[in-house]
N, C-alpha and C. Protein backbone atom coordinates (compact mmCIF):
# COMPACT_ATOMS: atom_id res chain seq x y z
N MET A 1 -24.04 3.52 -5.47
CA MET A 1 -24.15 2.41 -4.54
C MET A 1 -23.58 1.11 -4.96
N LYS A 2 -23.54 1.03 -6.26
CA LYS A 2 -23.05 -0.17 -6.94
C LYS A 2 -21.43 -0.21 -6.70
N THR A 3 -20.84 1.00 -6.84
CA THR A 3 -19.33 0.92 -6.66
C THR A 3 -18.98 0.54 -5.15
N PHE A 4 -19.67 1.13 -4.25
CA PHE A 4 -19.56 0.87 -2.79
C PHE A 4 -19.71 -0.63 -2.56
N GLY A 5 -20.75 -1.29 -3.08
CA GLY A 5 -21.10 -2.72 -2.84
C GLY A 5 -19.99 -3.59 -3.43
N ARG A 6 -19.55 -3.24 -4.66
CA ARG A 6 -18.49 -4.02 -5.32
C ARG A 6 -17.09 -3.80 -4.64
N GLY A 7 -16.83 -2.70 -4.14
CA GLY A 7 -15.61 -2.40 -3.44
C GLY A 7 -15.59 -3.16 -2.24
N MET A 8 -16.68 -3.32 -1.48
CA MET A 8 -16.66 -3.97 -0.22
C MET A 8 -16.70 -5.46 -0.56
N LEU A 9 -17.34 -5.96 -1.57
CA LEU A 9 -17.21 -7.41 -1.98
C LEU A 9 -15.86 -7.84 -2.33
N TYR A 10 -15.09 -7.00 -3.14
CA TYR A 10 -13.90 -7.33 -3.50
C TYR A 10 -12.99 -7.16 -2.29
N SER A 11 -13.09 -6.32 -1.47
CA SER A 11 -12.20 -6.10 -0.29
C SER A 11 -12.33 -7.40 0.65
N ILE A 12 -13.50 -7.82 0.73
CA ILE A 12 -13.90 -9.06 1.63
C ILE A 12 -13.17 -10.25 0.84
N ILE A 13 -13.31 -10.36 -0.41
CA ILE A 13 -12.62 -11.49 -1.07
C ILE A 13 -11.17 -11.38 -1.01
N VAL A 14 -10.46 -10.13 -0.96
CA VAL A 14 -9.06 -10.10 -0.77
C VAL A 14 -8.65 -10.57 0.63
N VAL A 15 -9.47 -10.21 1.61
CA VAL A 15 -9.29 -10.52 3.03
C VAL A 15 -9.26 -12.13 3.22
N VAL A 16 -10.34 -12.60 2.54
CA VAL A 16 -10.52 -14.15 2.60
C VAL A 16 -9.29 -14.87 1.95
N ILE A 17 -8.91 -14.28 0.74
CA ILE A 17 -7.75 -14.97 0.15
C ILE A 17 -6.45 -14.89 0.98
N LEU A 18 -6.19 -13.72 1.60
CA LEU A 18 -5.16 -13.60 2.49
C LEU A 18 -5.21 -14.48 3.77
N LEU A 19 -6.50 -14.65 4.34
CA LEU A 19 -6.65 -15.56 5.38
C LEU A 19 -6.47 -16.93 4.97
N ALA A 20 -6.80 -17.31 3.79
CA ALA A 20 -6.58 -18.77 3.32
C ALA A 20 -5.12 -18.99 3.22
N ILE A 21 -4.38 -18.01 2.74
CA ILE A 21 -2.91 -18.29 2.50
C ILE A 21 -2.32 -18.24 3.76
N SER A 22 -2.75 -17.43 4.77
CA SER A 22 -2.15 -17.62 6.05
C SER A 22 -2.41 -18.94 6.70
N PHE A 23 -3.62 -19.47 6.55
CA PHE A 23 -4.03 -20.67 7.09
C PHE A 23 -3.11 -21.78 6.50
N VAL A 24 -2.88 -21.77 5.24
CA VAL A 24 -2.11 -22.78 4.60
C VAL A 24 -0.65 -22.78 4.95
N ILE A 25 -0.14 -21.63 5.11
CA ILE A 25 1.35 -21.54 5.50
C ILE A 25 1.61 -21.67 6.92
N GLY A 26 0.61 -21.41 7.71
CA GLY A 26 0.58 -21.51 9.17
C GLY A 26 1.24 -20.40 9.88
N LYS A 27 1.29 -19.29 9.18
CA LYS A 27 1.96 -18.13 9.81
C LYS A 27 1.10 -16.86 9.75
N THR A 28 1.34 -15.80 10.45
CA THR A 28 0.58 -14.57 10.32
C THR A 28 1.29 -13.74 9.11
N ILE A 29 0.34 -13.18 8.31
CA ILE A 29 0.72 -12.40 7.10
C ILE A 29 0.44 -10.97 7.48
N THR A 30 1.60 -10.19 7.49
CA THR A 30 1.53 -8.76 7.81
C THR A 30 1.93 -8.03 6.48
N LEU A 31 1.09 -7.04 6.26
CA LEU A 31 1.32 -6.18 5.02
C LEU A 31 1.75 -4.84 5.45
N PRO A 32 2.86 -4.40 5.01
CA PRO A 32 3.18 -3.03 5.24
C PRO A 32 2.23 -1.99 4.63
N TRP A 33 2.33 -0.89 5.14
CA TRP A 33 1.42 0.15 4.55
C TRP A 33 1.66 0.47 3.21
N PHE A 34 2.87 0.35 2.64
CA PHE A 34 3.08 0.77 1.34
C PHE A 34 2.63 -0.31 0.35
N VAL A 35 2.33 -1.47 0.87
CA VAL A 35 1.64 -2.60 0.11
C VAL A 35 0.15 -2.49 0.23
N PHE A 36 -0.32 -2.28 1.53
CA PHE A 36 -1.82 -2.32 1.84
C PHE A 36 -2.54 -1.20 1.21
N ILE A 37 -1.99 -0.05 1.12
CA ILE A 37 -2.72 1.26 0.60
C ILE A 37 -2.95 1.02 -0.76
N PRO A 38 -1.88 0.75 -1.67
CA PRO A 38 -2.10 0.56 -3.10
C PRO A 38 -3.06 -0.58 -3.46
N LEU A 39 -2.94 -1.69 -2.54
CA LEU A 39 -3.88 -2.86 -2.82
C LEU A 39 -5.34 -2.36 -2.61
N VAL A 40 -5.76 -1.65 -1.64
CA VAL A 40 -7.08 -0.92 -1.39
C VAL A 40 -7.31 -0.15 -2.49
N VAL A 41 -6.48 0.70 -3.03
CA VAL A 41 -6.71 1.60 -4.06
C VAL A 41 -7.02 0.79 -5.37
N LEU A 42 -6.21 -0.22 -5.54
CA LEU A 42 -6.40 -1.13 -6.80
C LEU A 42 -7.76 -1.71 -6.75
N VAL A 43 -8.13 -2.26 -5.59
CA VAL A 43 -9.48 -3.06 -5.44
C VAL A 43 -10.65 -1.99 -5.75
N TRP A 44 -10.54 -0.80 -5.08
CA TRP A 44 -11.72 0.08 -5.24
C TRP A 44 -11.76 0.76 -6.69
N GLY A 45 -10.57 0.88 -7.21
CA GLY A 45 -10.48 1.32 -8.61
C GLY A 45 -11.13 0.36 -9.60
N ILE A 46 -10.81 -0.93 -9.37
CA ILE A 46 -11.43 -1.96 -10.17
C ILE A 46 -13.00 -1.93 -10.07
N ALA A 47 -13.41 -1.79 -8.90
CA ALA A 47 -14.93 -1.71 -8.70
C ALA A 47 -15.45 -0.39 -9.33
N PHE A 48 -14.85 0.58 -9.24
CA PHE A 48 -15.40 2.03 -9.91
C PHE A 48 -15.24 1.71 -11.31
N TYR A 49 -14.14 1.22 -11.94
CA TYR A 49 -14.14 0.99 -13.34
C TYR A 49 -15.32 0.03 -13.85
N GLN A 50 -15.54 -1.08 -13.21
CA GLN A 50 -16.58 -2.06 -13.58
C GLN A 50 -17.87 -1.36 -13.45
N SER A 51 -18.29 -0.60 -12.48
CA SER A 51 -19.47 0.16 -12.26
C SER A 51 -19.70 1.19 -13.40
N ASN A 52 -18.67 1.83 -13.70
CA ASN A 52 -18.59 2.86 -14.78
C ASN A 52 -19.01 2.12 -16.13
N ASN A 53 -18.36 0.98 -16.47
CA ASN A 53 -18.58 0.30 -17.75
C ASN A 53 -19.94 -0.25 -17.73
N GLU A 54 -20.45 -0.68 -16.59
CA GLU A 54 -21.89 -1.21 -16.55
C GLU A 54 -22.67 -0.12 -16.81
N ASP A 55 -22.64 1.13 -16.31
CA ASP A 55 -23.53 2.18 -16.57
C ASP A 55 -23.58 2.59 -18.02
N HIS A 56 -22.31 2.74 -18.65
CA HIS A 56 -22.32 3.14 -20.02
C HIS A 56 -22.77 2.04 -20.97
N SER A 57 -22.70 0.71 -20.66
CA SER A 57 -23.14 -0.23 -21.55
C SER A 57 -24.68 -0.40 -21.43
N SER A 58 -25.37 0.00 -20.46
CA SER A 58 -26.76 -0.07 -20.27
C SER A 58 -27.63 0.84 -21.11
N ARG A 59 -26.87 1.99 -21.61
CA ARG A 59 -27.52 3.12 -22.23
C ARG A 59 -27.84 2.58 -23.74
């Protein structure tokens, strides 16, 4: 459950950053699939990695 929570939090943070960039430049940001999918995998991979490290360090 920690990984899911972190993954969702990091995904929301990425969306907010993209929204802020879009607001600043005044245009719509469109991400092609070959950029979006690796971005999602990267965000969830970081969340999984941090959850794994937290589990191993608490032992």
